[in-house]
Amino acid sequence: MNPIGLTLINPAGLQAAKGAGSAPGNFGQLFQGAISQLENSQAQANQAITGAMTGHVTVTQAMVSMAEAQSTLDVATSIRNNVVQAYQTIMNMPVG
């Protein structure tokens, strides 16, 4: 089980899986997949909380699900902060 909830993706594997004649996976596709995983982890945490309230899921399982969702959100926030910082660095570079 992946404690963060994100699947590690090898960009070189994406190109090989698509075939030699097609373009490699673009950033948008990778970003879309990461956002989908984030949404799925949040939805699973919500279901676990609902299940704990109704008695179908133990409180421990709900807490683990919430911790996984929080970890996934922390990683996504960290990546977003790094992207914004990189953008700001590029924008502050002198031209010419």
N, C-alpha and C. Protein backbone atom coordinates (compact mmCIF):
# COMPACT_ATOMS: atom_id res chain seq x y z
N MET A 1 0.84 -1.18 0.00
CA MET A 1 0.00 0.00 0.00
C MET A 1 0.88 1.24 0.00
N ASN A 2 0.54 2.17 -0.83
CA ASN A 2 1.28 3.42 -0.95
C ASN A 2 0.74 4.40 0.09
N PRO A 3 1.56 4.81 1.09
CA PRO A 3 1.03 5.67 2.15
C PRO A 3 0.61 7.05 1.65
N ILE A 4 1.18 7.50 0.57
CA ILE A 4 0.84 8.82 0.07
C ILE A 4 -0.39 8.76 -0.82
N GLY A 5 -0.62 7.65 -1.46
CA GLY A 5 -1.78 7.51 -2.31
C GLY A 5 -1.53 7.88 -3.76
N LEU A 6 -0.33 8.30 -4.08
CA LEU A 6 -0.01 8.64 -5.47
C LEU A 6 0.72 7.49 -6.11
N THR A 7 0.44 7.24 -7.35
CA THR A 7 1.13 6.22 -8.11
C THR A 7 2.33 6.84 -8.78
N LEU A 8 3.48 6.20 -8.62
CA LEU A 8 4.68 6.71 -9.27
C LEU A 8 4.61 6.41 -10.75
N ILE A 9 4.86 7.42 -11.55
CA ILE A 9 4.76 7.29 -13.00
C ILE A 9 6.13 7.54 -13.60
N ASN A 10 6.56 6.63 -14.44
CA ASN A 10 7.81 6.78 -15.15
C ASN A 10 7.49 7.35 -16.53
N PRO A 11 7.85 8.63 -16.79
CA PRO A 11 7.52 9.23 -18.09
C PRO A 11 8.08 8.45 -19.27
N ALA A 12 9.24 7.80 -19.10
CA ALA A 12 9.80 7.02 -20.19
C ALA A 12 8.90 5.83 -20.50
N GLY A 13 8.27 5.27 -19.47
CA GLY A 13 7.36 4.16 -19.66
C GLY A 13 6.11 4.56 -20.41
N LEU A 14 5.68 5.81 -20.25
CA LEU A 14 4.51 6.29 -20.99
C LEU A 14 4.78 6.31 -22.48
N GLN A 15 5.97 6.76 -22.86
CA GLN A 15 6.32 6.83 -24.27
C GLN A 15 6.42 5.42 -24.84
N ALA A 16 7.02 4.51 -24.09
CA ALA A 16 7.17 3.14 -24.59
C ALA A 16 5.81 2.46 -24.70
N ALA A 17 4.91 2.76 -23.76
CA ALA A 17 3.59 2.12 -23.79
C ALA A 17 2.75 2.62 -24.96
N LYS A 18 2.95 3.86 -25.38
CA LYS A 18 2.17 4.41 -26.48
C LYS A 18 2.67 3.94 -27.83
N GLY A 19 3.88 3.47 -27.89
CA GLY A 19 4.43 3.04 -29.16
C GLY A 19 5.46 4.04 -29.66
N ALA A 20 6.31 3.59 -30.53
CA ALA A 20 7.40 4.42 -31.00
C ALA A 20 6.93 5.56 -31.90
N GLY A 21 5.81 5.38 -32.60
CA GLY A 21 5.37 6.39 -33.54
C GLY A 21 4.56 7.51 -32.93
N SER A 22 4.10 7.37 -31.72
CA SER A 22 3.24 8.39 -31.13
C SER A 22 4.03 9.29 -30.20
N ALA A 23 3.43 10.44 -29.88
CA ALA A 23 4.09 11.42 -29.01
C ALA A 23 4.07 10.92 -27.57
N PRO A 24 5.07 11.32 -26.77
CA PRO A 24 5.10 10.92 -25.36
C PRO A 24 3.98 11.61 -24.60
N GLY A 25 3.67 11.08 -23.41
CA GLY A 25 2.63 11.67 -22.57
C GLY A 25 3.00 13.10 -22.24
N ASN A 26 2.03 14.00 -22.30
CA ASN A 26 2.33 15.38 -22.03
C ASN A 26 2.04 15.71 -20.57
N PHE A 27 2.46 16.89 -20.17
CA PHE A 27 2.29 17.32 -18.78
C PHE A 27 0.82 17.34 -18.40
N GLY A 28 -0.03 17.75 -19.30
CA GLY A 28 -1.45 17.82 -19.01
C GLY A 28 -2.04 16.48 -18.64
N GLN A 29 -1.62 15.43 -19.33
CA GLN A 29 -2.12 14.09 -19.02
C GLN A 29 -1.62 13.63 -17.66
N LEU A 30 -0.35 13.89 -17.37
CA LEU A 30 0.19 13.52 -16.06
C LEU A 30 -0.50 14.29 -14.96
N PHE A 31 -0.74 15.58 -15.19
CA PHE A 31 -1.40 16.42 -14.20
C PHE A 31 -2.84 15.95 -13.99
N GLN A 32 -3.53 15.62 -15.05
CA GLN A 32 -4.91 15.13 -14.96
C GLN A 32 -4.97 13.85 -14.12
N GLY A 33 -4.01 12.95 -14.34
CA GLY A 33 -3.97 11.71 -13.56
C GLY A 33 -3.73 11.96 -12.09
N ALA A 34 -2.84 12.89 -11.78
CA ALA A 34 -2.56 13.21 -10.37
C ALA A 34 -3.78 13.83 -9.70
N ILE A 35 -4.48 14.71 -10.41
CA ILE A 35 -5.68 15.34 -9.86
C ILE A 35 -6.76 14.28 -9.63
N SER A 36 -6.88 13.34 -10.55
CA SER A 36 -7.87 12.27 -10.39
C SER A 36 -7.56 11.43 -9.15
N GLN A 37 -6.28 11.14 -8.93
CA GLN A 37 -5.90 10.38 -7.74
C GLN A 37 -6.20 11.17 -6.47
N LEU A 38 -5.97 12.46 -6.50
CA LEU A 38 -6.28 13.31 -5.36
C LEU A 38 -7.78 13.28 -5.07
N GLU A 39 -8.58 13.44 -6.10
CA GLU A 39 -10.04 13.41 -5.93
C GLU A 39 -10.50 12.05 -5.41
N ASN A 40 -9.91 10.96 -5.92
CA ASN A 40 -10.29 9.63 -5.46
C ASN A 40 -9.96 9.43 -3.99
N SER A 41 -8.80 9.89 -3.55
CA SER A 41 -8.43 9.71 -2.15
C SER A 41 -9.35 10.51 -1.24
N GLN A 42 -9.74 11.72 -1.68
CA GLN A 42 -10.66 12.52 -0.89
C GLN A 42 -12.04 11.84 -0.83
N ALA A 43 -12.49 11.29 -1.94
CA ALA A 43 -13.79 10.60 -1.97
C ALA A 43 -13.77 9.36 -1.08
N GLN A 44 -12.66 8.61 -1.11
CA GLN A 44 -12.55 7.43 -0.26
C GLN A 44 -12.57 7.81 1.21
N ALA A 45 -11.92 8.91 1.57
CA ALA A 45 -11.93 9.37 2.95
C ALA A 45 -13.35 9.75 3.37
N ASN A 46 -14.06 10.44 2.48
CA ASN A 46 -15.45 10.81 2.79
C ASN A 46 -16.33 9.58 2.98
N GLN A 47 -16.14 8.57 2.13
CA GLN A 47 -16.91 7.34 2.26
C GLN A 47 -16.57 6.62 3.56
N ALA A 48 -15.29 6.63 3.93
CA ALA A 48 -14.88 5.97 5.17
C ALA A 48 -15.47 6.69 6.38
N ILE A 49 -15.52 8.01 6.34
CA ILE A 49 -16.12 8.76 7.45
C ILE A 49 -17.60 8.44 7.55
N THR A 50 -18.28 8.42 6.42
CA THR A 50 -19.71 8.07 6.42
C THR A 50 -19.91 6.65 6.93
N GLY A 51 -19.04 5.75 6.50
CA GLY A 51 -19.12 4.37 6.97
C GLY A 51 -18.87 4.24 8.46
N ALA A 52 -17.97 5.05 8.99
CA ALA A 52 -17.71 5.02 10.43
C ALA A 52 -18.91 5.53 11.21
N MET A 53 -19.59 6.54 10.66
CA MET A 53 -20.78 7.08 11.34
C MET A 53 -21.93 6.09 11.34
N THR A 54 -22.03 5.30 10.29
CA THR A 54 -23.12 4.33 10.20
C THR A 54 -22.75 2.98 10.81
N GLY A 55 -21.48 2.81 11.17
CA GLY A 55 -21.06 1.57 11.81
C GLY A 55 -20.58 0.50 10.85
N HIS A 56 -20.47 0.81 9.57
CA HIS A 56 -20.01 -0.17 8.58
C HIS A 56 -18.49 -0.23 8.48
N VAL A 57 -17.82 0.81 8.95
CA VAL A 57 -16.36 0.89 8.90
C VAL A 57 -15.87 1.22 10.30
N THR A 58 -14.75 0.64 10.71
CA THR A 58 -14.22 0.95 12.02
C THR A 58 -13.65 2.37 12.02
N VAL A 59 -13.58 2.94 13.19
CA VAL A 59 -13.03 4.29 13.32
C VAL A 59 -11.56 4.28 12.91
N THR A 60 -10.85 3.21 13.20
CA THR A 60 -9.44 3.11 12.81
C THR A 60 -9.29 3.17 11.30
N GLN A 61 -10.13 2.43 10.58
CA GLN A 61 -10.07 2.45 9.12
C GLN A 61 -10.38 3.85 8.58
N ALA A 62 -11.33 4.52 9.19
CA ALA A 62 -11.68 5.88 8.75
C ALA A 62 -10.52 6.83 9.01
N MET A 63 -9.85 6.69 10.14
CA MET A 63 -8.71 7.55 10.46
C MET A 63 -7.55 7.31 9.49
N VAL A 64 -7.31 6.05 9.14
CA VAL A 64 -6.25 5.73 8.17
C VAL A 64 -6.58 6.34 6.82
N SER A 65 -7.82 6.23 6.41
CA SER A 65 -8.25 6.80 5.13
C SER A 65 -8.10 8.31 5.13
N MET A 66 -8.46 8.94 6.25
CA MET A 66 -8.30 10.39 6.35
C MET A 66 -6.83 10.80 6.32
N ALA A 67 -5.97 10.02 6.97
CA ALA A 67 -4.53 10.32 6.98
C ALA A 67 -3.95 10.19 5.57
N GLU A 68 -4.39 9.17 4.83
CA GLU A 68 -3.92 9.00 3.45
C GLU A 68 -4.37 10.17 2.58
N ALA A 69 -5.62 10.59 2.75
CA ALA A 69 -6.13 11.71 1.97
C ALA A 69 -5.37 13.00 2.32
N GLN A 70 -5.06 13.19 3.60
CA GLN A 70 -4.31 14.38 4.01
C GLN A 70 -2.90 14.35 3.44
N SER A 71 -2.28 13.19 3.43
CA SER A 71 -0.94 13.07 2.86
C SER A 71 -0.95 13.39 1.37
N THR A 72 -1.95 12.88 0.67
CA THR A 72 -2.07 13.16 -0.76
C THR A 72 -2.27 14.64 -1.01
N LEU A 73 -3.10 15.28 -0.19
CA LEU A 73 -3.33 16.71 -0.33
C LEU A 73 -2.06 17.50 -0.01
N ASP A 74 -1.29 17.06 0.99
CA ASP A 74 -0.03 17.74 1.32
C ASP A 74 0.97 17.66 0.17
N VAL A 75 1.04 16.50 -0.47
CA VAL A 75 1.95 16.34 -1.61
C VAL A 75 1.50 17.24 -2.76
N ALA A 76 0.21 17.26 -3.03
CA ALA A 76 -0.31 18.10 -4.12
C ALA A 76 -0.05 19.59 -3.84
N THR A 77 -0.23 20.00 -2.59
CA THR A 77 0.04 21.39 -2.23
C THR A 77 1.51 21.73 -2.37
N SER A 78 2.36 20.82 -1.98
CA SER A 78 3.81 21.04 -2.10
C SER A 78 4.21 21.15 -3.57
N ILE A 79 3.67 20.30 -4.41
CA ILE A 79 3.97 20.36 -5.84
C ILE A 79 3.49 21.68 -6.42
N ARG A 80 2.28 22.09 -6.06
CA ARG A 80 1.75 23.36 -6.53
C ARG A 80 2.65 24.52 -6.11
N ASN A 81 3.10 24.51 -4.86
CA ASN A 81 3.98 25.58 -4.39
C ASN A 81 5.30 25.61 -5.17
N ASN A 82 5.84 24.44 -5.48
CA ASN A 82 7.08 24.39 -6.26
C ASN A 82 6.88 24.88 -7.68
N VAL A 83 5.74 24.55 -8.28
CA VAL A 83 5.45 25.02 -9.63
C VAL A 83 5.31 26.54 -9.64
N VAL A 84 4.61 27.09 -8.67
CA VAL A 84 4.45 28.55 -8.59
C VAL A 84 5.80 29.22 -8.38
N GLN A 85 6.63 28.64 -7.52
CA GLN A 85 7.96 29.21 -7.28
C GLN A 85 8.81 29.16 -8.56
N ALA A 86 8.75 28.07 -9.30
CA ALA A 86 9.51 27.97 -10.54
C ALA A 86 9.01 29.00 -11.55
N TYR A 87 7.70 29.17 -11.64
CA TYR A 87 7.13 30.17 -12.55
C TYR A 87 7.61 31.57 -12.17
N GLN A 88 7.60 31.88 -10.89
CA GLN A 88 8.04 33.20 -10.45
C GLN A 88 9.53 33.42 -10.72
N THR A 89 10.32 32.36 -10.55
CA THR A 89 11.75 32.46 -10.86
C THR A 89 11.97 32.76 -12.34
N ILE A 90 11.23 32.05 -13.19
CA ILE A 90 11.36 32.28 -14.64
C ILE A 90 10.91 33.69 -14.99
N MET A 91 9.83 34.15 -14.42
CA MET A 91 9.32 35.48 -14.74
C MET A 91 10.25 36.58 -14.25
N ASN A 92 11.04 36.31 -13.22
CA ASN A 92 11.96 37.31 -12.69
C ASN A 92 13.34 37.30 -13.36
N MET A 93 13.54 36.40 -14.30
CA MET A 93 14.82 36.33 -15.01
C MET A 93 14.94 37.54 -15.95
N PRO A 94 16.12 38.13 -15.97
CA PRO A 94 16.30 39.26 -16.90
C PRO A 94 16.32 38.77 -18.36
N VAL A 95 15.75 39.57 -19.22
CA VAL A 95 15.71 39.25 -20.64
C VAL A 95 16.72 40.15 -21.36
N GLY A 96 17.54 39.54 -22.15
CA GLY A 96 18.39 40.32 -23.01
C GLY A 96 19.72 40.54 -22.45
